[in-house]
N, C-alpha and C. Protein backbone atom coordinates (compact mmCIF):
# COMPACT_ATOMS: atom_id res chain seq x y z
N MET A 1 13.44 0.54 -15.12
CA MET A 1 13.81 1.00 -13.63
C MET A 1 14.37 -0.07 -12.74
N GLU A 2 14.91 -0.33 -11.75
CA GLU A 2 15.53 -1.04 -11.28
C GLU A 2 14.37 -2.13 -10.20
N LYS A 3 14.55 -3.18 -9.93
CA LYS A 3 13.78 -3.48 -8.80
C LYS A 3 13.66 -2.34 -7.09
N GLN A 4 15.50 -2.26 -6.66
CA GLN A 4 15.60 -1.31 -5.91
C GLN A 4 14.76 0.13 -5.91
N GLU A 5 14.48 0.36 -7.39
CA GLU A 5 14.65 2.15 -7.43
C GLU A 5 13.06 2.42 -7.24
N LYS A 6 12.25 0.70 -7.93
CA LYS A 6 10.90 0.78 -7.72
C LYS A 6 10.13 0.69 -5.90
N ILE A 7 10.72 0.12 -5.01
CA ILE A 7 10.85 -0.08 -3.78
C ILE A 7 10.67 0.91 -3.53
N ASN A 8 12.23 1.56 -3.64
CA ASN A 8 12.10 2.89 -3.01
C ASN A 8 11.17 3.88 -3.28
N LEU A 9 10.78 4.05 -4.02
CA LEU A 9 9.51 5.14 -4.90
C LEU A 9 7.85 4.50 -4.52
N ILE A 10 8.01 3.36 -4.16
CA ILE A 10 6.56 2.57 -3.74
C ILE A 10 6.92 3.16 -2.19
N LEU A 11 8.19 2.99 -1.34
CA LEU A 11 7.84 3.75 0.05
C LEU A 11 7.49 4.70 0.22
N LYS A 12 8.29 5.66 -0.92
CA LYS A 12 7.98 7.05 -0.19
C LYS A 12 6.05 7.44 -0.45
N SER A 13 5.59 6.35 -1.75
CA SER A 13 4.11 6.85 -2.10
C SER A 13 3.34 6.38 -0.57
N ILE A 14 3.34 5.47 -0.07
CA ILE A 14 3.13 4.92 0.90
C ILE A 14 2.86 5.90 2.08
N GLU A 15 4.12 6.49 2.39
CA GLU A 15 4.41 7.33 3.42
C GLU A 15 3.64 8.80 3.31
N LYS A 16 3.12 9.19 2.03
CA LYS A 16 2.20 10.14 1.59
C LYS A 16 0.58 9.72 2.22
N VAL A 17 0.23 8.49 1.92
CA VAL A 17 -1.25 8.39 2.39
C VAL A 17 -0.90 7.60 4.26
N ARG A 18 0.07 7.23 4.30
CA ARG A 18 -0.10 7.13 6.10
C ARG A 18 -0.58 7.22 6.70
N PRO A 19 -0.14 8.94 6.68
CA PRO A 19 -1.33 10.09 8.29
C PRO A 19 -2.50 9.97 7.76
N TYR A 20 -2.57 9.87 6.51
CA TYR A 20 -4.20 9.77 6.60
C TYR A 20 -5.09 8.37 7.50
N LEU A 21 -4.23 7.94 6.73
CA LEU A 21 -4.85 6.08 8.05
C LEU A 21 -4.63 6.54 9.44
N GLN A 22 -3.42 6.72 9.32
CA GLN A 22 -2.87 6.96 11.23
C GLN A 22 -3.97 8.02 11.82
N ARG A 23 -3.90 8.94 11.37
CA ARG A 23 -5.74 9.64 11.54
C ARG A 23 -6.76 8.82 12.27
N ASP A 24 -6.83 8.01 11.32
CA ASP A 24 -8.52 7.46 12.01
C ASP A 24 -7.95 5.93 12.47
N GLY A 25 -6.79 5.74 13.20
CA GLY A 25 -6.51 4.76 13.61
C GLY A 25 -5.88 3.64 13.45
N GLY A 26 -5.73 3.84 11.78
CA GLY A 26 -4.92 2.83 11.31
C GLY A 26 -3.68 2.91 10.66
N ASP A 27 -3.21 1.75 9.51
CA ASP A 27 -2.18 1.93 9.11
C ASP A 27 -1.61 1.39 8.47
N VAL A 28 -0.94 1.49 6.87
CA VAL A 28 -0.25 0.39 6.24
C VAL A 28 1.08 0.74 5.92
N GLU A 29 1.84 -1.01 5.93
CA GLU A 29 3.10 -1.26 5.57
C GLU A 29 3.52 -1.84 4.15
N PHE A 30 4.94 -1.33 3.22
CA PHE A 30 4.56 -2.34 2.50
C PHE A 30 5.60 -3.26 3.17
N VAL A 31 5.27 -4.72 2.16
CA VAL A 31 5.46 -5.62 2.28
C VAL A 31 6.22 -6.67 1.37
N GLU A 32 6.25 -6.57 -0.34
CA GLU A 32 6.94 -7.58 -1.18
C GLU A 32 6.45 -6.37 -2.64
N LEU A 33 7.61 -6.78 -3.25
CA LEU A 33 7.23 -6.26 -4.94
C LEU A 33 7.91 -7.40 -5.43
N THR A 34 6.59 -8.02 -5.68
CA THR A 34 7.17 -9.21 -7.11
C THR A 34 7.79 -8.92 -8.38
N ASP A 35 8.33 -10.58 -8.68
CA ASP A 35 8.75 -9.90 -10.29
C ASP A 35 8.08 -9.29 -11.28
N ASP A 36 6.62 -9.97 -11.07
CA ASP A 36 5.54 -9.48 -12.00
C ASP A 36 4.98 -8.16 -11.69
N ASN A 37 5.32 -7.29 -11.08
CA ASN A 37 4.76 -6.14 -10.22
C ASN A 37 3.97 -5.81 -9.69
N ILE A 38 3.62 -6.89 -8.90
CA ILE A 38 2.45 -6.57 -7.77
C ILE A 38 3.28 -6.79 -6.17
N VAL A 39 2.14 -5.18 -6.48
CA VAL A 39 3.00 -4.76 -4.52
C VAL A 39 1.79 -5.69 -4.09
N TYR A 40 2.24 -6.20 -2.23
CA TYR A 40 1.76 -6.51 -1.43
C TYR A 40 1.68 -5.66 -0.55
N VAL A 41 1.28 -5.11 0.53
CA VAL A 41 0.83 -3.97 1.74
C VAL A 41 0.02 -4.92 2.64
N LYS A 42 0.52 -4.47 4.09
CA LYS A 42 -0.48 -5.12 5.31
C LYS A 42 -1.22 -4.07 5.73
N VAL A 43 -2.46 -4.33 6.23
CA VAL A 43 -2.89 -2.95 6.78
C VAL A 43 -2.81 -3.63 8.39
N TYR A 44 -3.16 -1.88 9.44
CA TYR A 44 -3.23 -2.64 10.43
C TYR A 44 -4.57 -1.39 11.30
N GLY A 45 -4.37 -1.87 12.56
CA GLY A 45 -5.88 -0.99 13.15
C GLY A 45 -7.11 -0.93 12.81
N ALA A 46 -7.39 0.10 12.51
CA ALA A 46 -8.86 0.54 12.43
C ALA A 46 -8.91 -0.08 11.13
N CYS A 47 -8.04 -0.77 10.24
CA CYS A 47 -7.50 -0.63 8.80
C CYS A 47 -8.08 -2.26 8.65
N VAL A 48 -7.89 -2.88 9.23
CA VAL A 48 -8.64 -3.95 9.83
C VAL A 48 -10.06 -4.29 9.87
N GLY A 49 -10.60 -4.89 9.59
CA GLY A 49 -12.26 -5.36 9.35
C GLY A 49 -13.00 -4.31 8.69
N CYS A 50 -11.98 -2.96 8.36
CA CYS A 50 -13.31 -2.04 8.07
C CYS A 50 -13.94 -2.19 6.83
N LEU A 51 -15.21 -1.70 6.52
CA LEU A 51 -15.96 -1.99 5.32
C LEU A 51 -15.34 -1.22 4.20
N MET A 52 -14.55 -0.11 4.69
CA MET A 52 -14.09 0.69 3.43
C MET A 52 -12.42 0.64 3.15
N LEU A 53 -11.98 -0.25 3.28
CA LEU A 53 -10.98 -0.96 3.03
C LEU A 53 -10.57 -1.41 1.62
N ASP A 54 -11.31 -2.03 0.86
CA ASP A 54 -11.46 -2.02 -0.74
C ASP A 54 -10.81 -0.51 -1.60
N GLN A 55 -12.20 0.03 -0.82
CA GLN A 55 -11.93 1.51 -1.08
C GLN A 55 -10.88 2.19 -1.04
N THR A 56 -10.04 2.35 0.76
CA THR A 56 -9.06 2.82 0.52
C THR A 56 -7.93 2.09 -0.56
N LEU A 57 -7.86 0.86 0.02
CA LEU A 57 -6.57 0.46 -1.16
C LEU A 57 -6.92 0.53 -2.50
N LYS A 58 -8.03 0.65 -3.06
CA LYS A 58 -8.09 0.77 -4.53
C LYS A 58 -7.73 1.92 -4.60
N ASP A 59 -8.29 3.50 -4.13
CA ASP A 59 -8.42 4.85 -4.59
C ASP A 59 -7.64 5.68 -3.63
N GLY A 60 -7.05 4.82 -2.50
CA GLY A 60 -5.94 5.81 -1.93
C GLY A 60 -4.31 4.78 -1.94
N VAL A 61 -4.17 4.32 -1.40
CA VAL A 61 -2.97 3.01 -1.70
C VAL A 61 -2.59 2.99 -2.79
N MET A 62 -3.66 2.47 -3.96
CA MET A 62 -2.95 1.53 -5.09
C MET A 62 -2.76 2.93 -6.09
N SER A 63 -3.55 3.79 -6.25
CA SER A 63 -3.61 4.86 -6.95
C SER A 63 -2.75 5.79 -6.68
N ILE A 64 -1.67 6.37 -5.35
CA ILE A 64 -0.98 6.89 -5.60
C ILE A 64 0.96 6.16 -5.71
N ILE A 65 0.41 4.87 -5.38
CA ILE A 65 1.50 4.18 -5.92
C ILE A 65 1.51 3.88 -7.28
N MET A 66 0.37 3.55 -8.19
CA MET A 66 0.22 3.52 -9.60
C MET A 66 0.58 4.45 -10.12
N ASP A 67 0.38 5.67 -9.95
CA ASP A 67 0.95 7.23 -10.05
C ASP A 67 2.28 7.46 -10.06
N GLU A 68 3.08 7.12 -9.44
CA GLU A 68 4.38 7.51 -8.74
C GLU A 68 5.14 6.52 -9.63
N VAL A 69 4.40 5.06 -9.78
CA VAL A 69 5.56 3.72 -10.28
C VAL A 69 4.29 3.05 -10.94
N PRO A 70 4.57 3.96 -12.44
CA PRO A 70 3.66 3.33 -13.69
C PRO A 70 3.94 1.64 -13.99
N GLU A 71 5.12 1.55 -13.77
CA GLU A 71 5.21 0.26 -13.73
C GLU A 71 4.18 -1.21 -12.81
N ILE A 72 3.68 -0.62 -11.85
CA ILE A 72 3.25 -1.34 -10.94
C ILE A 72 1.83 -1.76 -11.79
N ALA A 73 1.59 -2.97 -11.72
CA ALA A 73 0.29 -4.11 -12.05
C ALA A 73 -0.79 -3.95 -11.25
N ASP A 74 -0.55 -4.42 -9.83
CA ASP A 74 -1.57 -4.36 -8.46
C ASP A 74 -1.04 -3.98 -7.42
N VAL A 75 -1.74 -3.61 -6.60
CA VAL A 75 -1.84 -3.80 -5.46
C VAL A 75 -2.46 -4.09 -4.47
N ARG A 76 -2.08 -5.23 -3.51
CA ARG A 76 -3.07 -6.25 -3.32
C ARG A 76 -2.77 -6.30 -1.72
N LEU A 77 -3.41 -6.70 -0.47
CA LEU A 77 -2.96 -6.89 0.37
C LEU A 77 -2.92 -8.29 0.69
N ALA A 78 -2.18 -7.92 2.27
CA ALA A 78 -0.69 -9.23 2.39
C ALA A 78 -1.92 -9.90 3.33
N GLU A 79 -1.29 -11.06 4.10
CA GLU A 79 -1.87 -11.76 5.10
C GLU A 79 -2.52 -10.37 6.42
N ILE A 80 -3.61 -10.20 6.99
CA ILE A 80 -3.70 -9.40 7.58
C ILE A 80 -3.36 -10.01 9.00
N GLU A 81 -2.41 -8.98 9.90
CA GLU A 81 -2.19 -9.32 11.38
C GLU A 81 -2.10 -7.97 12.20
N PRO A 82 -2.81 -8.47 13.26
CA PRO A 82 -2.72 -7.60 14.42
C PRO A 82 -1.20 -6.90 14.50
N LYS A 83 -1.17 -5.78 14.85
CA LYS A 83 -0.10 -5.25 15.34
C LYS A 83 0.25 -4.71 16.38
């Protein structure tokens, strides 16, 4: 699968989880897909500093992305900035 195809699937995957985060005052945004299949995302709002962020990232964002795009090796946080 080409890189742009992977990015398109990642974006669609993130759109599946965003409403849940937004409902709680947070948000997530795709930043980058590296050549070694690592996805970087940024979080905003209530997600910044949330004690459940690691769990949300792993059990929510990462889980959905890796189900949709099995080639992805990991999902990591990019630098957090206020939005």
